[in-house]
C-alpha atoms as a PDB file:
ATOM      1  CA  MET A   1       0.000   0.000   0.000  1.00  0.00           C
ATOM      2  CA  GLY A   2       1.468   3.368  -1.063  1.00  0.00           C
ATOM      3  CA  THR A   3       2.019   6.270   1.240  1.00  0.00           C
ATOM      4  CA  GLU A   4      -0.361   9.189   0.739  1.00  0.00           C
ATOM      5  CA  THR A   5       1.218  12.542   0.044  1.00  0.00           C
ATOM      6  CA  ASN A   6       0.439  15.352   2.470  1.00  0.00           C
ATOM      7  CA  VAL A   7      -0.438  17.968  -0.136  1.00  0.00           C
ATOM      8  CA  ASP A   8      -0.568  20.919   2.266  1.00  0.00           C
ATOM      9  CA  LEU A   9       2.840  20.095   3.716  1.00  0.00           C
ATOM     10  CA  ALA A  10       4.277  19.563   0.234  1.00  0.00           C
ATOM     11  CA  ASN A  11       2.932  22.938  -0.894  1.00  0.00           C
ATOM     12  CA  PHE A  12       4.458  24.605   2.158  1.00  0.00           C
ATOM     13  CA  ALA A  13       7.790  22.949   1.314  1.00  0.00           C
ATOM     14  CA  ASP A  14       7.532  24.452  -2.182  1.00  0.00           C
ATOM     15  CA  VAL A  15       6.889  27.894  -0.677  1.00  0.00           C
ATOM     16  CA  LEU A  16       9.998  27.495   1.481  1.00  0.00           C
ATOM     17  CA  PHE A  17      12.061  26.544  -1.582  1.00  0.00           C
ATOM     18  CA  THR A  18      10.894  29.712  -3.333  1.00  0.00           C
ATOM     19  CA  SER A  19      11.635  31.715  -0.175  1.00  0.00           C
ATOM     20  CA  ALA A  20      15.146  30.265   0.019  1.00  0.00           C
ATOM     21  CA  THR A  21      15.740  31.300  -3.589  1.00  0.00           C
ATOM     22  CA  GLY A  22      14.620  34.834  -2.757  1.00  0.00           C
ATOM     23  CA  ILE A  23      16.842  35.000   0.329  1.00  0.00           C
ATOM     24  CA  TYR A  24      19.871  33.823  -1.666  1.00  0.00           C
ATOM     25  CA  ALA A  25      19.089  36.451  -4.318  1.00  0.00           C
ATOM     26  CA  LEU A  26      18.888  39.196  -1.677  1.00  0.00           C
ATOM     27  CA  ALA A  27      22.184  37.989  -0.205  1.00  0.00           C
ATOM     28  CA  LEU A  28      23.767  38.240  -3.646  1.00  0.00           C
ATOM     29  CA  VAL A  29      22.474  41.804  -4.018  1.00  0.00           C
ATOM     30  CA  LEU A  30      24.055  42.761  -0.694  1.00  0.00           C
ATOM     31  CA  MET A  31      27.347  41.182  -1.745  1.00  0.00           C
ATOM     32  CA  VAL A  32      27.270  43.166  -4.978  1.00  0.00           C
ATOM     33  CA  ILE A  33      26.643  46.329  -2.941  1.00  0.00           C
ATOM     34  CA  GLU A  34      29.579  45.356  -0.723  1.00  0.00           C
ATOM     35  CA  LEU A  35      31.719  45.123  -3.835  1.00  0.00           C
ATOM     36  CA  ALA A  36      30.515  48.526  -5.044  1.00  0.00           C
ATOM     37  CA  THR A  37      31.126  50.282  -1.708  1.00  0.00           C
ATOM     38  CA  SER A  38      34.349  48.580  -0.647  1.00  0.00           C
ATOM     39  CA  ARG A  39      36.435  50.698  -2.987  1.00  0.00           C
ATOM     40  CA  VAL A  40      34.785  53.892  -1.683  1.00  0.00           C
ATOM     41  CA  ASP A  41      35.556  52.837   1.894  1.00  0.00           C
ATOM     42  CA  ALA A  42      39.159  52.057   0.976  1.00  0.00           C
ATOM     43  CA  THR A  43      39.557  55.453  -0.704  1.00  0.00           C
ATOM     44  CA  ALA A  44      38.052  57.231   2.316  1.00  0.00           C
ATOM     45  CA  ALA A  45      40.427  55.407   4.645  1.00  0.00           C
ATOM     46  CA  ARG A  46      43.431  56.426   2.537  1.00  0.00           C
ATOM     47  CA  ASP A  47      42.260  60.060   2.432  1.00  0.00           C
ATOM     48  CA  ARG A  48      41.803  60.119   6.207  1.00  0.00           C
ATOM     49  CA  LYS A  49      45.302  58.718   6.673  1.00  0.00           C
ATOM     50  CA  ARG A  50      46.743  61.444   4.415  1.00  0.00           C
ATOM     51  CA  GLU A  51      44.894  64.117   6.410  1.00  0.00           C
ATOM     52  CA  LEU A  52      46.361  62.821   9.669  1.00  0.00           C
ATOM     53  CA  VAL A  53      49.859  62.804   8.208  1.00  0.00           C
ATOM     54  CA  ALA A  54      49.415  66.320   6.788  1.00  0.00           C
ATOM     55  CA  ALA A  55      48.220  67.543  10.185  1.00  0.00           C
ATOM     56  CA  GLY A  56      51.429  66.316  11.779  1.00  0.00           C
ATOM     57  CA  GLY A  57      49.974  63.237  13.436  1.00  0.00           C
ATOM     58  CA  GLY A  58      52.432  61.576  15.786  1.00  0.00           C
ATOM     59  CA  PRO A  59      53.227  57.926  16.111  1.00  0.00           C
ATOM     60  CA  ILE A  60      50.423  55.428  16.469  1.00  0.00           C
ATOM     61  CA  ALA A  61      49.244  55.059  20.069  1.00  0.00           C
ATOM     62  CA  THR A  62      49.855  51.769  21.784  1.00  0.00           C
ATOM     63  CA  ASP A  63      48.962  50.265  25.150  1.00  0.00           C
ATOM     64  CA  SER A  64      52.187  51.713  26.575  1.00  0.00           C
ATOM     65  CA  THR A  65      51.483  55.286  25.458  1.00  0.00           C
ATOM     66  CA  PRO A  66      50.939  57.284  28.698  1.00  0.00           C
ATOM     67  CA  GLY A  67      47.710  59.225  29.055  1.00  0.00           C
ATOM     68  CA  ARG A  68      46.306  57.768  25.838  1.00  0.00           C
ATOM     69  CA  VAL A  69      42.823  56.221  25.784  1.00  0.00           C
ATOM     70  CA  LEU A  70      42.628  53.625  23.053  1.00  0.00           C
ATOM     71  CA  ASP A  71      39.389  52.662  21.354  1.00  0.00           C
ATOM     72  CA  ASP A  72      38.233  49.064  21.069  1.00  0.00           C
ATOM     73  CA  GLY A  73      39.860  48.628  17.695  1.00  0.00           C
ATOM     74  CA  PRO A  74      39.121  49.459  14.078  1.00  0.00           C
ATOM     75  CA  ARG A  75      35.467  49.935  13.275  1.00  0.00           C
ATOM     76  CA  ARG A  76      33.924  47.913  10.494  1.00  0.00           C
ATOM     77  CA  THR A  77      33.400  49.845   7.301  1.00  0.00           C
ATOM     78  CA  LYS A  78      30.016  50.181   5.653  1.00  0.00           C
ATOM     79  CA  SER A  79      30.958  47.622   3.019  1.00  0.00           C
ATOM     80  CA  GLU A  80      32.040  45.121   5.672  1.00  0.00           C
ATOM     81  CA  ARG A  81      28.743  45.502   7.515  1.00  0.00           C
ATOM     82  CA  ILE A  82      26.795  44.969   4.309  1.00  0.00           C
ATOM     83  CA  GLY A  83      28.917  41.930   3.495  1.00  0.00           C
ATOM     84  CA  ARG A  84      28.233  40.417   6.907  1.00  0.00           C
ATOM     85  CA  MET A  85      24.516  40.966   6.383  1.00  0.00           C
ATOM     86  CA  GLY A  86      24.771  39.128   3.078  1.00  0.00           C
ATOM     87  CA  TYR A  87      26.634  36.261   4.715  1.00  0.00           C
ATOM     88  CA  ALA A  88      23.990  36.042   7.455  1.00  0.00           C
ATOM     89  CA  LEU A  89      21.267  35.920   4.808  1.00  0.00           C
ATOM     90  CA  VAL A  90      23.010  32.995   3.111  1.00  0.00           C
ATOM     91  CA  VAL A  91      22.962  31.125   6.431  1.00  0.00           C
ATOM     92  CA  ALA A  92      19.270  31.957   6.883  1.00  0.00           C
ATOM     93  CA  GLY A  93      18.533  30.918   3.314  1.00  0.00           C
ATOM     94  CA  LEU A  94      20.250  27.580   3.851  1.00  0.00           C
ATOM     95  CA  LEU A  95      18.156  26.902   6.959  1.00  0.00           C
ATOM     96  CA  VAL A  96      14.964  27.634   5.014  1.00  0.00           C
ATOM     97  CA  HIS A  97      16.234  25.572   2.072  1.00  0.00           C
ATOM     98  CA  VAL A  98      17.054  22.518   4.200  1.00  0.00           C
ATOM     99  CA  THR A  99      13.683  22.813   5.923  1.00  0.00           C
ATOM    100  CA  SER A 100      11.963  22.701   2.526  1.00  0.00           C
ATOM    101  CA  ILE A 101      13.862  19.515   1.648  1.00  0.00           C
ATOM    102  CA  VAL A 102      12.989  17.848   4.955  1.00  0.00           C
ATOM    103  CA  LEU A 103       9.305  18.810   4.771  1.00  0.00           C
ATOM    104  CA  ARG A 104       9.006  17.514   1.207  1.00  0.00           C
ATOM    105  CA  GLY A 105      10.400  14.200   2.410  1.00  0.00           C
ATOM    106  CA  VAL A 106       7.963  14.104   5.328  1.00  0.00           C
ATOM    107  CA  ALA A 107       5.072  14.990   3.020  1.00  0.00           C
ATOM    108  CA  THR A 108       5.852  12.136   0.630  1.00  0.00           C
ATOM    109  CA  GLY A 109       7.036   9.588   3.187  1.00  0.00           C
ATOM    110  CA  ARG A 110      10.301   8.984   1.314  1.00  0.00           C
ATOM    111  CA  MET A 111      13.743  10.443   0.795  1.00  0.00           C
ATOM    112  CA  PRO A 112      13.256  13.791  -0.962  1.00  0.00           C
ATOM    113  CA  TRP A 113      15.540  13.225  -3.925  1.00  0.00           C
ATOM    114  CA  GLY A 114      13.569  11.010  -6.277  1.00  0.00           C
ATOM    115  CA  ASN A 115      13.390  13.313  -9.323  1.00  0.00           C
ATOM    116  CA  MET A 116      15.378  16.029 -11.059  1.00  0.00           C
ATOM    117  CA  TYR A 117      13.740  18.887  -9.155  1.00  0.00           C
ATOM    118  CA  GLU A 118      14.609  17.322  -5.813  1.00  0.00           C
ATOM    119  CA  PHE A 119      18.105  16.337  -6.957  1.00  0.00           C
ATOM    120  CA  MET A 120      18.765  19.926  -8.020  1.00  0.00           C
ATOM    121  CA  SER A 121      17.486  21.204  -4.687  1.00  0.00           C
ATOM    122  CA  ILE A 122      19.793  19.033  -2.595  1.00  0.00           C
ATOM    123  CA  MET A 123      22.735  19.732  -4.923  1.00  0.00           C
ATOM    124  CA  CYS A 124      22.279  23.492  -4.453  1.00  0.00           C
ATOM    125  CA  ALA A 125      21.878  23.084  -0.692  1.00  0.00           C
ATOM    126  CA  GLY A 126      25.088  21.051  -0.652  1.00  0.00           C
ATOM    127  CA  ALA A 127      26.868  23.780  -2.615  1.00  0.00           C
ATOM    128  CA  VAL A 128      25.720  26.475  -0.178  1.00  0.00           C
ATOM    129  CA  LEU A 129      26.713  24.405   2.859  1.00  0.00           C
ATOM    130  CA  ALA A 130      30.109  23.623   1.327  1.00  0.00           C
ATOM    131  CA  SER A 131      30.620  27.332   0.598  1.00  0.00           C
ATOM    132  CA  LEU A 132      29.814  28.363   4.170  1.00  0.00           C
ATOM    133  CA  VAL A 133      32.194  25.744   5.582  1.00  0.00           C
ATOM    134  CA  LEU A 134      35.052  25.840   3.078  1.00  0.00           C
ATOM    135  CA  LEU A 135      34.988  29.594   2.362  1.00  0.00           C
ATOM    136  CA  ARG A 136      34.757  30.749   5.968  1.00  0.00           C
ATOM    137  CA  LYS A 137      38.234  32.321   6.000  1.00  0.00           C
ATOM    138  CA  PRO A 138      38.150  36.073   5.268  1.00  0.00           C
ATOM    139  CA  GLU A 139      40.451  35.832   2.257  1.00  0.00           C
ATOM    140  CA  ALA A 140      38.222  33.203   0.600  1.00  0.00           C
ATOM    141  CA  ARG A 141      34.822  34.588   1.588  1.00  0.00           C
ATOM    142  CA  PRO A 142      34.425  36.861  -1.498  1.00  0.00           C
ATOM    143  CA  ILE A 143      34.122  33.681  -3.588  1.00  0.00           C
ATOM    144  CA  LEU A 144      30.734  33.032  -1.960  1.00  0.00           C
ATOM    145  CA  GLY A 145      29.063  35.809  -3.936  1.00  0.00           C
ATOM    146  CA  PHE A 146      30.294  34.333  -7.205  1.00  0.00           C
ATOM    147  CA  VAL A 147      29.153  30.832  -6.159  1.00  0.00           C
ATOM    148  CA  LEU A 148      25.634  32.150  -5.529  1.00  0.00           C
ATOM    149  CA  VAL A 149      25.242  33.030  -9.219  1.00  0.00           C
ATOM    150  CA  PRO A 150      25.172  29.440 -10.597  1.00  0.00           C
ATOM    151  CA  ILE A 151      23.284  28.263  -7.504  1.00  0.00           C
ATOM    152  CA  LEU A 152      20.498  30.762  -8.224  1.00  0.00           C
ATOM    153  CA  ILE A 153      20.475  29.780 -11.897  1.00  0.00           C
ATOM    154  CA  PHE A 154      20.073  26.110 -10.985  1.00  0.00           C
ATOM    155  CA  MET A 155      17.341  26.900  -8.462  1.00  0.00           C
ATOM    156  CA  PHE A 156      15.402  29.008 -10.972  1.00  0.00           C
ATOM    157  CA  VAL A 157      15.699  26.183 -13.517  1.00  0.00           C
ATOM    158  CA  ALA A 158      14.620  23.644 -10.902  1.00  0.00           C
ATOM    159  CA  GLU A 159      11.492  25.591 -10.008  1.00  0.00           C
ATOM    160  CA  GLY A 160      10.618  26.902 -13.453  1.00  0.00           C
ATOM    161  CA  VAL A 161      11.513  23.936 -15.665  1.00  0.00           C
ATOM    162  CA  LEU A 162      12.173  20.800 -13.626  1.00  0.00           C
ATOM    163  CA  TYR A 163       9.451  21.112 -11.012  1.00  0.00           C
ATOM    164  CA  THR A 164       7.679  17.836 -10.208  1.00  0.00           C
ATOM    165  CA  THR A 165       4.637  17.621  -7.967  1.00  0.00           C
ATOM    166  CA  ALA A 166       5.435  15.859  -4.699  1.00  0.00           C
ATOM    167  CA  GLY A 167       4.424  12.226  -4.798  1.00  0.00           C
ATOM    168  CA  PRO A 168       5.686   8.642  -4.700  1.00  0.00           C
ATOM    169  CA  VAL A 169       8.644   7.577  -6.813  1.00  0.00           C
ATOM    170  CA  VAL A 170       8.543   4.990  -9.581  1.00  0.00           C
ATOM    171  CA  PRO A 171       8.885   1.367  -8.393  1.00  0.00           C
ATOM    172  CA  SER A 172      12.483   1.040  -9.600  1.00  0.00           C
ATOM    173  CA  LEU A 173      13.533   3.796  -7.169  1.00  0.00           C
ATOM    174  CA  LYS A 174      11.908   2.242  -4.117  1.00  0.00           C
ATOM    175  CA  SER A 175      15.156   1.099  -2.565  1.00  0.00           C
ATOM    176  CA  TYR A 176      17.280   2.122   0.392  1.00  0.00           C
ATOM    177  CA  TRP A 177      20.053   2.695  -2.148  1.00  0.00           C
ATOM    178  CA  LEU A 178      18.171   5.815  -3.247  1.00  0.00           C
ATOM    179  CA  ALA A 179      18.987   7.448   0.078  1.00  0.00           C
ATOM    180  CA  ILE A 180      22.649   6.456  -0.162  1.00  0.00           C
ATOM    181  CA  HIS A 181      23.567   6.742  -3.838  1.00  0.00           C
ATOM    182  CA  VAL A 182      21.656   9.868  -4.841  1.00  0.00           C
ATOM    183  CA  SER A 183      22.414  11.861  -1.692  1.00  0.00           C
ATOM    184  CA  ILE A 184      26.160  11.223  -1.941  1.00  0.00           C
ATOM    185  CA  VAL A 185      26.320  12.048  -5.654  1.00  0.00           C
ATOM    186  CA  SER A 186      24.204  15.205  -5.338  1.00  0.00           C
ATOM    187  CA  ILE A 187      26.180  16.595  -2.399  1.00  0.00           C
ATOM    188  CA  GLY A 188      29.434  15.762  -4.199  1.00  0.00           C
ATOM    189  CA  ALA A 189      28.159  17.594  -7.290  1.00  0.00           C
ATOM    190  CA  GLY A 190      27.306  20.602  -5.132  1.00  0.00           C
ATOM    191  CA  ILE A 191      30.853  20.741  -3.769  1.00  0.00           C
ATOM    192  CA  PHE A 192      32.235  20.348  -7.294  1.00  0.00           C
ATOM    193  CA  LEU A 193      30.212  23.456  -8.211  1.00  0.00           C
ATOM    194  CA  VAL A 194      32.170  25.478  -5.643  1.00  0.00           C
ATOM    195  CA  SER A 195      35.424  24.108  -7.007  1.00  0.00           C
ATOM    196  CA  GLY A 196      34.424  24.883 -10.587  1.00  0.00           C
ATOM    197  CA  VAL A 197      33.646  28.504  -9.721  1.00  0.00           C
ATOM    198  CA  ALA A 198      37.005  28.819  -7.939  1.00  0.00           C
ATOM    199  CA  SER A 199      38.846  27.486 -11.008  1.00  0.00           C
ATOM    200  CA  LEU A 200      36.948  29.829 -13.337  1.00  0.00           C
ATOM    201  CA  LEU A 201      37.840  32.806 -11.144  1.00  0.00           C
ATOM    202  CA  TYR A 202      41.424  31.539 -11.005  1.00  0.00           C
ATOM    203  CA  LEU A 203      41.713  31.595 -14.801  1.00  0.00           C
ATOM    204  CA  ILE A 204      40.227  35.105 -14.965  1.00  0.00           C
ATOM    205  CA  ARG A 205      42.481  36.431 -12.220  1.00  0.00           C
ATOM    206  CA  ARG A 206      45.576  34.732 -13.655  1.00  0.00           C
ATOM    207  CA  ARG A 207      45.002  36.470 -16.970  1.00  0.00           C
ATOM    208  CA  PHE A 208      45.291  39.936 -15.363  1.00  0.00           C
ATOM    209  CA  GLU A 209      47.391  39.357 -12.240  1.00  0.00           C
ATOM    210  CA  LEU A 210      50.885  40.839 -11.937  1.00  0.00           C
ATOM    211  CA  PRO A 211      53.762  39.172 -10.035  1.00  0.00           C
ATOM    212  CA  ASP A 212      53.193  41.446  -7.015  1.00  0.00           C
ATOM    213  CA  GLY A 213      49.563  40.281  -6.718  1.00  0.00           C
ATOM    214  CA  SER A 214      47.982  43.420  -8.190  1.00  0.00           C
ATOM    215  CA  VAL A 215      45.909  43.416 -11.385  1.00  0.00           C
ATOM    216  CA  THR A 216      46.468  45.200 -14.684  1.00  0.00           C
ATOM    217  CA  VAL A 217      42.888  46.544 -14.854  1.00  0.00           C
ATOM    218  CA  THR A 218      41.785  48.704 -11.924  1.00  0.00           C
ATOM    219  CA  SER A 219      39.102  51.021 -13.341  1.00  0.00           C
ATOM    220  CA  GLY A 220      35.500  50.446 -14.295  1.00  0.00           C
ATOM    221  CA  VAL A 221      33.291  47.476 -13.489  1.00  0.00           C
ATOM    222  CA  GLY A 222      35.917  45.029 -14.737  1.00  0.00           C
ATOM    223  CA  GLY A 223      38.537  46.507 -12.454  1.00  0.00           C
ATOM    224  CA  ARG A 224      36.259  46.296  -9.424  1.00  0.00           C
ATOM    225  CA  LEU A 225      35.434  42.677 -10.179  1.00  0.00           C
ATOM    226  CA  LEU A 226      39.088  41.778 -10.586  1.00  0.00           C
ATOM    227  CA  GLN A 227      39.981  43.478  -7.320  1.00  0.00           C
ATOM    228  CA  ALA A 228      37.146  41.623  -5.572  1.00  0.00           C
ATOM    229  CA  ILE A 229      38.391  38.247  -6.773  1.00  0.00           C
ATOM    230  CA  PRO A 230      40.884  36.711  -4.310  1.00  0.00           C
ATOM    231  CA  SER A 231      44.468  36.066  -5.358  1.00  0.00           C
ATOM    232  CA  THR A 232      45.335  33.108  -7.567  1.00  0.00           C
ATOM    233  CA  GLN A 233      46.986  31.401  -4.587  1.00  0.00           C
ATOM    234  CA  VAL A 234      43.748  31.533  -2.574  1.00  0.00           C
ATOM    235  CA  LEU A 235      41.621  30.413  -5.526  1.00  0.00           C
ATOM    236  CA  ASP A 236      43.956  27.521  -6.279  1.00  0.00           C
ATOM    237  CA  ARG A 237      43.816  26.346  -2.652  1.00  0.00           C
ATOM    238  CA  VAL A 238      40.015  26.567  -2.601  1.00  0.00           C
ATOM    239  CA  ALA A 239      39.622  24.686  -5.885  1.00  0.00           C
ATOM    240  CA  TYR A 240      41.998  21.950  -4.774  1.00  0.00           C
ATOM    241  CA  GLY A 241      40.570  21.712  -1.258  1.00  0.00           C
ATOM    242  CA  THR A 242      37.003  21.350  -2.494  1.00  0.00           C
ATOM    243  CA  VAL A 243      37.905  18.660  -5.020  1.00  0.00           C
ATOM    244  CA  ILE A 244      39.758  16.787  -2.272  1.00  0.00           C
ATOM    245  CA  VAL A 245      36.465  16.705  -0.345  1.00  0.00           C
ATOM    246  CA  ALA A 246      34.126  16.054  -3.287  1.00  0.00           C
ATOM    247  CA  PHE A 247      36.143  13.444  -5.196  1.00  0.00           C
ATOM    248  CA  PRO A 248      35.911  10.690  -2.538  1.00  0.00           C
ATOM    249  CA  LEU A 249      32.190  11.432  -2.131  1.00  0.00           C
ATOM    250  CA  PHE A 250      31.602  11.233  -5.872  1.00  0.00           C
ATOM    251  CA  SER A 251      33.659   8.035  -6.092  1.00  0.00           C
ATOM    252  CA  ALA A 252      31.646   6.468  -3.266  1.00  0.00           C
ATOM    253  CA  GLY A 253      28.435   7.539  -4.999  1.00  0.00           C
ATOM    254  CA  VAL A 254      29.483   5.872  -8.254  1.00  0.00           C
ATOM    255  CA  ILE A 255      30.402   2.672  -6.398  1.00  0.00           C
ATOM    256  CA  CYS A 256      27.060   2.675  -4.558  1.00  0.00           C
ATOM    257  CA  GLY A 257      25.334   3.166  -7.896  1.00  0.00           C
ATOM    258  CA  ALA A 258      27.103   0.098  -9.266  1.00  0.00           C
ATOM    259  CA  VAL A 259      25.986  -1.959  -6.264  1.00  0.00           C
ATOM    260  CA  TRP A 260      22.420  -0.726  -6.725  1.00  0.00           C
ATOM    261  CA  ALA A 261      22.572  -1.541 -10.459  1.00  0.00           C
ATOM    262  CA  GLU A 262      23.661  -5.094  -9.631  1.00  0.00           C
ATOM    263  CA  ALA A 263      20.671  -5.500  -7.323  1.00  0.00           C
ATOM    264  CA  ALA A 264      18.163  -3.824  -9.671  1.00  0.00           C
ATOM    265  CA  TRP A 265      19.333  -4.800 -13.143  1.00  0.00           C
ATOM    266  CA  GLY A 266      21.559  -7.803 -12.544  1.00  0.00           C
ATOM    267  CA  ARG A 267      24.800  -6.125 -13.568  1.00  0.00           C
ATOM    268  CA  PRO A 268      27.014  -3.554 -11.800  1.00  0.00           C
ATOM    269  CA  TRP A 269      28.128  -1.677 -14.910  1.00  0.00           C
ATOM    270  CA  GLY A 270      26.723  -1.679 -18.424  1.00  0.00           C
ATOM    271  CA  TRP A 271      28.148   1.504 -19.981  1.00  0.00           C
ATOM    272  CA  ASP A 272      24.736   3.104 -19.858  1.00  0.00           C
ATOM    273  CA  PRO A 273      24.992   6.730 -21.125  1.00  0.00           C
ATOM    274  CA  LYS A 274      24.748   8.093 -17.577  1.00  0.00           C
ATOM    275  CA  GLU A 275      27.280   5.584 -16.266  1.00  0.00           C
ATOM    276  CA  THR A 276      29.667   6.412 -19.094  1.00  0.00           C
ATOM    277  CA  THR A 277      29.374  10.164 -18.540  1.00  0.00           C
ATOM    278  CA  SER A 278      29.847   9.729 -14.788  1.00  0.00           C
ATOM    279  CA  PHE A 279      32.993   7.726 -15.478  1.00  0.00           C
ATOM    280  CA  ILE A 280      34.308  10.475 -17.774  1.00  0.00           C
ATOM    281  CA  ALA A 281      33.704  13.058 -15.034  1.00  0.00           C
ATOM    282  CA  TRP A 282      35.488  10.818 -12.520  1.00  0.00           C
ATOM    283  CA  VAL A 283      38.495  10.471 -14.854  1.00  0.00           C
ATOM    284  CA  LEU A 284      38.651  14.239 -15.392  1.00  0.00           C
ATOM    285  CA  TYR A 285      38.678  14.969 -11.667  1.00  0.00           C
ATOM    286  CA  ALA A 286      41.303  12.285 -11.108  1.00  0.00           C
ATOM    287  CA  ALA A 287      43.348  13.916 -13.880  1.00  0.00           C
ATOM    288  CA  TYR A 288      42.876  17.306 -12.186  1.00  0.00           C
ATOM    289  CA  LEU A 289      44.264  15.991  -8.904  1.00  0.00           C
ATOM    290  CA  HIS A 290      47.222  14.484 -10.758  1.00  0.00           C
ATOM    291  CA  ALA A 291      47.853  17.675 -12.753  1.00  0.00           C
ATOM    292  CA  ARG A 292      47.572  19.817  -9.625  1.00  0.00           C
ATOM    293  CA  ALA A 293      50.309  17.722  -7.986  1.00  0.00           C
ATOM    294  CA  THR A 294      52.577  17.766 -11.059  1.00  0.00           C
ATOM    295  CA  SER A 295      54.540  20.893 -11.912  1.00  0.00           C
ATOM    296  CA  VAL A 296      54.550  20.119 -15.642  1.00  0.00           C
ATOM    297  CA  TRP A 297      50.750  19.874 -15.908  1.00  0.00           C
ATOM    298  CA  ARG A 298      49.767  22.316 -13.161  1.00  0.00           C
ATOM    299  CA  LYS A 299      48.694  25.065 -15.564  1.00  0.00           C
ATOM    300  CA  ALA A 300      46.197  22.658 -17.141  1.00  0.00           C
ATOM    301  CA  ALA A 301      44.637  21.731 -13.784  1.00  0.00           C
ATOM    302  CA  PRO A 302      41.931  24.461 -13.663  1.00  0.00           C
ATOM    303  CA  TYR A 303      40.813  23.598 -17.196  1.00  0.00           C
ATOM    304  CA  LEU A 304      40.403  19.952 -16.192  1.00  0.00           C
ATOM    305  CA  ASN A 305      38.433  21.022 -13.131  1.00  0.00           C
ATOM    306  CA  LEU A 306      36.065  23.156 -15.211  1.00  0.00           C
ATOM    307  CA  LEU A 307      35.690  20.424 -17.808  1.00  0.00           C
ATOM    308  CA  GLY A 308      34.832  17.934 -15.072  1.00  0.00           C
ATOM    309  CA  PHE A 309      31.985  20.089 -13.794  1.00  0.00           C
ATOM    310  CA  ALA A 310      30.799  20.774 -17.349  1.00  0.00           C
ATOM    311  CA  VAL A 311      30.485  17.003 -17.831  1.00  0.00           C
ATOM    312  CA  ILE A 312      28.481  16.742 -14.591  1.00  0.00           C
ATOM    313  CA  VAL A 313      26.076  19.443 -15.830  1.00  0.00           C
ATOM    314  CA  PHE A 314      25.863  17.685 -19.213  1.00  0.00           C
ATOM    315  CA  ASN A 315      25.105  14.433 -17.407  1.00  0.00           C
ATOM    316  CA  LEU A 316      22.472  16.143 -15.301  1.00  0.00           C
ATOM    317  CA  PHE A 317      20.496  17.761 -18.112  1.00  0.00           C
ATOM    318  CA  ILE A 318      21.341  16.244 -21.492  1.00  0.00           C
ATOM    319  CA  ILE A 319      21.709  12.583 -20.511  1.00  0.00           C
ATOM    320  CA  ASN A 320      18.654  12.536 -18.251  1.00  0.00           C
ATOM    321  CA  TYR A 321      16.397  14.074 -20.882  1.00  0.00           C
ATOM    322  CA  PHE A 322      17.754  13.286 -24.323  1.00  0.00           C
ATOM    323  CA  ALA A 323      19.798  10.075 -24.092  1.00  0.00           C
ATOM    324  CA  THR A 324      17.914   7.196 -25.704  1.00  0.00           C
ATOM    325  CA  GLY A 325      18.112   3.755 -24.177  1.00  0.00           C
ATOM    326  CA  SER A 326      19.335   5.018 -20.809  1.00  0.00           C
ATOM    327  CA  LEU A 327      18.118   3.067 -17.809  1.00  0.00           C
ATOM    328  CA  HIS A 328      18.398   6.331 -15.844  1.00  0.00           C
ATOM    329  CA  SER A 329      15.834   8.187 -17.962  1.00  0.00           C
ATOM    330  CA  TYR A 330      13.211   7.848 -15.225  1.00  0.00           C
ATOM    331  CA  ALA A 331      15.214  10.310 -13.122  1.00  0.00           C
ATOM    332  CA  GLY A 332      13.751  13.184 -15.111  1.00  0.00           C
END
């Protein structure tokens, strides 16, 4: 006997998903404002320093300076306050997002990743969570705003194109392997998204970065964007660190999929279009890790990383919808 879907709860979960998308979008707006005002704050700070020097300001006061009352430390600039508000909104958006996933699962009485809409939702939630954890250091935090762009695109596509009414899954997906295989792969894909963005920013920054760490373009919108992007060293560390986390997850997900295929179809691997594309993505990420560790191939590493994520996106959309003869076609 099938489990009845709680329609009201499922509808509320959909409202929360839409709300999470809106919160992420507002957070992105605040981060863009932070980018626009940070240069003004930096200019104001430099002007104030020049005024103090011109006025004959003495040496900087320290704890040992007699008769000097020190303040509590440097005050946060307007741009920093706006940036912190944006970061807080991302955290709030993630809480709302995860709640929508949980409630959809409760409403349907199953794991909430049985179709493309739900897969996309958990992948985006995984990307946001990975960003908050792996980009928590101040020098890496500006990457978060850039990561939100593809996340919002995927969430808009999920809601506008891929949306599936909450309900039971097809019989072939009624297995405990659904909870294991799909969750691992989707979270791994979300972390790969963060890594792909870091590698894309790395290639952009490398094109304009000088040996001293400055950039060749400093004026206009392009100059502001370049100055907002962290250094190539930071971007390289983020890209590598995220792949180090995601690659074992993705590998485990592929292995679990093979075990599930053996139980469901009587064979662990049949070079199904989705299996083949997943294997290509796995090889590309393995090649990235090798290139990143090899001085001769290190310059090619970010291209391999981007290509790996492009294959994952191709697998997600093209294979699921247009590949003929794929045993995974029900996922759409």
